[in-house]
Structures are given as structure tokens and as C-alpha cells.
Amino acid sequence: LQTHHIFTNVSKGELAKKEDLLNAFATDNQTEICKVILEKGELQISEKERKLYYESSFKEIANIIAGMCVDIKSKRPYSQAMIETALHEIHFSVRPRKSSKQQALDIIPRLKQHMPIDRAKMVLRVECPAELAKAAKEKLNEWVDSFELERWEENGDLLAIVIVEPSYFRQIDSLVRSPTARGVVDVITVRQIVEEKIDITEVETD
């Protein structure tokens, strides 16, 4: 807080009149009014600050998209610069009241109409206890694209490394890590599988 004075026009240095304060805040205690403004008011920023905010948010959104999406033809990730160019081409505008991640998720469908892009697959390491393993395997058969590893332990536990659409992650996580289960779901990577076929010898399976 730079000052406890209340202005009607900061740039002109015009202070608010006592009667105006009473009408607006029901008090002329400027310290208390400052607290109300800080709690409920909207931050006024300069045009330069606003521009920097939008530019920073725009780049952050592009970076998020580049990290979660791939070219569906080459199966390779896009660079942030390529995503920024595409966002400009579809006239994307930053929405300050939404998080960068949510804006990234929201704009992907529009980008899909403009370029060959889609969410990258996830590679998950799934451990299922014996009492859940068979039922979980049936569900995994429905949800996953492929099994890179399927290993049944002597005690009946299942260890699997699967490739799956990101939209199925919550379902798999809820199934395997339910309150009555002792399963584990780890994200190995989102990008490795689109760059080259995953080498399961590099993944710890003990």
C-alpha cells in the first residue's frame, strides 16, 4: 500500500471528498476504506503492465500446449514458437479470469481445426494388488491403447506399463488407488512415447 489517501483521480492528484467517502463506504476512515478496497476492489494496472501480463500469459499458454500436444502426423512435439504462431492465426485472446492451464485445454479443440494437433499419450506404470488385479486388467483392456509390459507376480499382483489417452488417467487412478486397494499409478512420461517407442528396460519394474 503506497498511500492511505483515497483519490477520485490519481493521475490528477484529486482526493476524494468526505461526503463522497461517506456515500460510497459509509465511513470516512481512509485506512478502513483502504482495507475494503484491497479486499474487494479490482487492481488497476498501467497499459504497459497490462501488455506485459498478456504477453507473459500468452507465452505460458503456448508452452503448456506445446508440452501436452503433438503433431498427429509426425508424432513429434510442436515447439512453443509454432504454437504461438498458430494461436495468433486463430486470433486467440488471453482471458485473465481463467487459469493458463484451463485456457490451454479450452483452445486445443480450435487448434485441432487449424492444424494436425492432439493431446500426447500418457505412459503409466500401474501396480495392482492380487485382489484387484483381474478386474483391473479387464478395465485396462477397455481403456488403454496398448500394454508395453504386463507382468503377473507369484502372489497374483499385476504390474503393467500402458499407453493411454490422458482423459482416462483419472479413471485408472481411481480404480487402482481406491480406498480399499493398495495399488499404485505413476506417470512415466507424456512425451517420450511420441518421440520414440518406449524402452521398458529403462523403466524400473522392481
Protein backbone atom coordinates (compact mmCIF):
# COMPACT_ATOMS: atom_id res chain seq x y z
CA LEU A 1 0.00 0.00 0.00
CA GLN A 2 1.65 3.23 -1.17
CA THR A 3 -0.74 5.70 0.48
CA HIS A 4 -3.70 5.80 2.85
CA HIS A 5 -5.32 8.65 0.91
CA ILE A 6 -8.33 7.94 -1.30
CA PHE A 7 -8.29 9.58 -4.73
CA THR A 8 -11.03 10.17 -7.26
CA ASN A 9 -8.36 10.75 -9.91
CA VAL A 10 -4.83 9.57 -9.14
CA SER A 11 -3.19 10.99 -12.25
CA LYS A 12 -4.54 14.46 -11.43
CA GLY A 13 -3.93 14.10 -7.70
CA GLU A 14 -7.59 14.74 -6.83
CA LEU A 15 -8.50 13.48 -3.35
CA ALA A 16 -11.97 12.12 -2.60
CA LYS A 17 -14.27 14.42 -0.62
CA LYS A 18 -15.52 13.40 2.81
CA GLU A 19 -19.17 13.28 1.68
CA ASP A 20 -18.21 11.07 -1.28
CA LEU A 21 -16.45 8.64 1.05
CA LEU A 22 -19.44 8.50 3.38
CA ASN A 23 -21.81 7.87 0.47
CA ALA A 24 -19.65 5.15 -1.03
CA PHE A 25 -18.28 3.40 2.07
CA ALA A 26 -20.47 4.62 4.97
CA THR A 27 -17.29 5.84 6.70
CA ASP A 28 -14.64 8.49 6.17
CA ASN A 29 -11.90 6.45 7.88
CA GLN A 30 -9.47 6.21 5.00
CA THR A 31 -7.45 3.36 6.50
CA GLU A 32 -10.59 1.23 6.81
CA ILE A 33 -11.61 2.22 3.28
CA CYS A 34 -8.20 1.11 2.02
CA LYS A 35 -8.78 -2.30 3.60
CA VAL A 36 -12.14 -2.61 1.84
CA ILE A 37 -10.59 -1.63 -1.49
CA LEU A 38 -7.76 -4.14 -1.06
CA GLU A 39 -10.19 -6.93 -0.16
CA LYS A 40 -12.97 -6.25 -2.67
CA GLY A 41 -11.63 -3.83 -5.26
CA GLU A 42 -10.08 -4.56 -8.64
CA LEU A 43 -6.41 -3.94 -9.27
CA GLN A 44 -5.80 -1.09 -11.68
CA ILE A 45 -2.66 -1.60 -13.73
CA SER A 46 -0.96 0.55 -16.32
CA GLU A 47 -1.21 -0.16 -20.04
CA LYS A 48 2.43 -1.27 -20.03
CA GLU A 49 1.83 -3.68 -17.14
CA ARG A 50 -1.32 -4.99 -18.83
CA LYS A 51 0.59 -5.63 -22.07
CA LEU A 52 3.37 -7.47 -20.23
CA TYR A 53 0.78 -9.58 -18.39
CA TYR A 54 -0.98 -10.59 -21.61
CA GLU A 55 2.29 -11.35 -23.39
CA SER A 56 3.53 -13.45 -20.47
CA SER A 57 0.21 -15.32 -20.18
CA PHE A 58 0.11 -15.91 -23.93
CA LYS A 59 3.58 -17.48 -23.87
CA GLU A 60 2.72 -19.57 -20.82
CA ILE A 61 -0.41 -20.93 -22.52
CA ALA A 62 1.58 -21.74 -25.67
CA ASN A 63 4.21 -23.51 -23.55
CA ILE A 64 1.54 -25.61 -21.79
CA ILE A 65 0.03 -26.65 -25.13
CA ALA A 66 3.46 -27.50 -26.54
CA GLY A 67 4.11 -29.69 -23.50
CA MET A 68 0.90 -31.68 -23.75
CA CYS A 69 0.31 -31.97 -27.52
CA VAL A 70 1.93 -33.48 -30.60
CA ASP A 71 1.69 -33.34 -34.38
CA ILE A 72 -0.66 -36.24 -35.17
CA LYS A 73 1.13 -36.89 -38.47
CA SER A 74 4.75 -36.96 -37.33
CA LYS A 75 4.01 -37.89 -33.68
CA ARG A 76 6.55 -35.25 -32.71
CA PRO A 77 6.01 -32.37 -30.25
CA TYR A 78 5.45 -28.84 -31.51
CA SER A 79 7.79 -26.07 -30.43
CA GLN A 80 6.39 -23.24 -28.33
CA ALA A 81 7.08 -20.81 -31.19
CA MET A 82 4.96 -22.90 -33.58
CA ILE A 83 2.09 -22.95 -31.10
CA GLU A 84 2.35 -19.18 -30.59
CA THR A 85 2.13 -18.65 -34.35
CA ALA A 86 -0.93 -20.90 -34.57
CA LEU A 87 -2.63 -19.08 -31.67
CA HIS A 88 -2.10 -15.77 -33.46
CA GLU A 89 -3.51 -17.24 -36.67
CA ILE A 90 -6.75 -18.32 -34.98
CA HIS A 91 -6.95 -14.93 -33.20
CA PHE A 92 -6.73 -16.35 -29.70
CA SER A 93 -7.12 -13.82 -26.88
CA VAL A 94 -5.97 -14.30 -23.29
CA ARG A 95 -8.79 -14.37 -20.71
CA PRO A 96 -7.38 -13.00 -17.43
CA ARG A 97 -10.08 -14.58 -15.26
CA LYS A 98 -9.14 -18.12 -16.33
CA SER A 99 -6.00 -20.04 -15.43
CA SER A 100 -3.40 -20.57 -18.14
CA LYS A 101 -3.86 -24.34 -17.97
CA GLN A 102 -7.62 -24.10 -18.41
CA GLN A 103 -7.22 -21.73 -21.34
CA ALA A 104 -4.74 -24.14 -22.92
CA LEU A 105 -7.20 -27.02 -22.58
CA ASP A 106 -10.06 -24.91 -23.90
CA ILE A 107 -8.22 -23.75 -27.02
CA ILE A 108 -6.91 -27.15 -28.15
CA PRO A 109 -10.20 -28.06 -29.94
CA ARG A 110 -9.91 -24.86 -32.01
CA LEU A 111 -6.27 -25.60 -32.80
CA LYS A 112 -7.31 -29.09 -33.98
CA GLN A 113 -9.45 -27.43 -36.65
CA HIS A 114 -6.48 -25.38 -37.78
CA MET A 115 -3.56 -27.83 -37.65
CA PRO A 116 -2.78 -31.56 -37.15
CA ILE A 117 -2.53 -31.49 -33.36
CA ASP A 118 -3.82 -33.60 -30.48
CA ARG A 119 -3.05 -34.45 -26.87
CA ALA A 120 0.00 -36.67 -26.41
CA LYS A 121 -0.49 -40.14 -25.00
CA MET A 122 0.47 -40.87 -21.39
CA VAL A 123 2.72 -43.73 -20.32
CA LEU A 124 1.62 -45.10 -16.94
CA ARG A 125 3.17 -47.62 -14.57
CA VAL A 126 0.29 -49.44 -12.90
CA GLU A 127 0.62 -51.78 -9.91
CA CYS A 128 -2.50 -53.73 -8.91
CA PRO A 129 -2.77 -55.93 -5.80
CA ALA A 130 -3.91 -59.52 -6.33
CA GLU A 131 -7.44 -58.95 -5.04
CA LEU A 132 -7.99 -56.23 -7.65
CA ALA A 133 -5.73 -57.38 -10.47
CA LYS A 134 -8.13 -59.42 -12.64
CA ALA A 135 -10.94 -56.85 -12.51
CA ALA A 136 -8.47 -54.04 -13.12
CA LYS A 137 -6.99 -55.88 -16.12
CA GLU A 138 -10.45 -56.12 -17.71
CA LYS A 139 -10.95 -52.37 -17.30
CA LEU A 140 -7.46 -51.59 -18.56
CA ASN A 141 -8.21 -53.65 -21.68
CA GLU A 142 -11.09 -51.25 -22.37
CA TRP A 143 -9.24 -48.03 -21.59
CA VAL A 144 -5.64 -48.31 -22.74
CA ASP A 145 -4.22 -48.14 -26.25
CA SER A 146 -1.60 -50.81 -25.60
CA PHE A 147 0.38 -52.69 -22.96
CA GLU A 148 4.13 -52.14 -23.14
CA LEU A 149 4.57 -54.51 -20.20
CA GLU A 150 2.24 -56.96 -18.46
CA ARG A 151 3.76 -58.96 -15.62
CA TRP A 152 1.93 -61.18 -13.16
CA GLU A 153 3.74 -61.79 -9.89
CA GLU A 154 3.67 -65.10 -7.98
CA ASN A 155 1.39 -63.56 -5.36
CA GLY A 156 -1.14 -62.52 -8.03
CA ASP A 157 -0.17 -58.85 -8.21
CA LEU A 158 -0.14 -57.22 -11.64
CA LEU A 159 2.50 -54.81 -12.90
CA ALA A 160 1.70 -53.09 -16.19
CA ILE A 161 3.13 -50.27 -18.27
CA VAL A 162 0.42 -48.89 -20.51
CA ILE A 163 -0.08 -46.22 -23.15
CA VAL A 164 -3.33 -44.34 -22.70
CA GLU A 165 -5.24 -41.21 -23.66
CA PRO A 166 -4.91 -38.53 -20.92
CA SER A 167 -8.70 -38.49 -20.48
CA TYR A 168 -8.55 -41.99 -18.92
CA PHE A 169 -5.99 -41.14 -16.25
CA ARG A 170 -8.49 -40.25 -13.51
CA GLN A 171 -10.50 -43.43 -14.10
CA ILE A 172 -7.41 -45.63 -13.89
CA ASP A 173 -6.13 -43.76 -10.84
CA SER A 174 -9.50 -44.04 -9.06
CA LEU A 175 -9.75 -47.75 -9.85
CA VAL A 176 -6.26 -48.74 -8.77
CA ARG A 177 -5.93 -46.41 -5.80
CA SER A 178 -9.41 -46.85 -4.33
CA PRO A 179 -9.72 -46.69 -0.51
CA THR A 180 -9.86 -50.50 -0.32
CA ALA A 181 -6.94 -51.10 -2.71
CA ARG A 182 -3.21 -50.62 -2.29
CA GLY A 183 -2.42 -50.07 -5.94
CA VAL A 184 -0.07 -47.51 -7.45
CA VAL A 185 -0.29 -45.40 -10.61
CA ASP A 186 2.77 -43.43 -11.72
CA VAL A 187 3.09 -41.22 -14.78
CA ILE A 188 6.31 -42.27 -16.50
CA THR A 189 6.10 -39.65 -19.21
CA VAL A 190 3.76 -37.85 -21.55
CA ARG A 191 6.21 -37.03 -24.30
CA GLN A 192 8.66 -39.95 -24.55
CA ILE A 193 6.19 -42.20 -26.33
CA VAL A 194 5.71 -39.74 -29.18
CA GLU A 195 9.41 -39.20 -29.71
CA GLU A 196 10.35 -42.87 -29.97
CA LYS A 197 8.97 -46.20 -28.86
CA ILE A 198 9.41 -46.52 -25.12
CA ASP A 199 12.22 -48.75 -23.92
CA ILE A 200 10.79 -50.68 -20.99
CA THR A 201 14.26 -51.79 -19.95
CA GLU A 202 14.82 -48.21 -18.78
CA VAL A 203 11.75 -48.28 -16.53
CA GLU A 204 12.15 -49.62 -13.02
CA THR A 205 9.86 -52.63 -12.54
CA ASP A 206 11.03 -53.90 -9.17
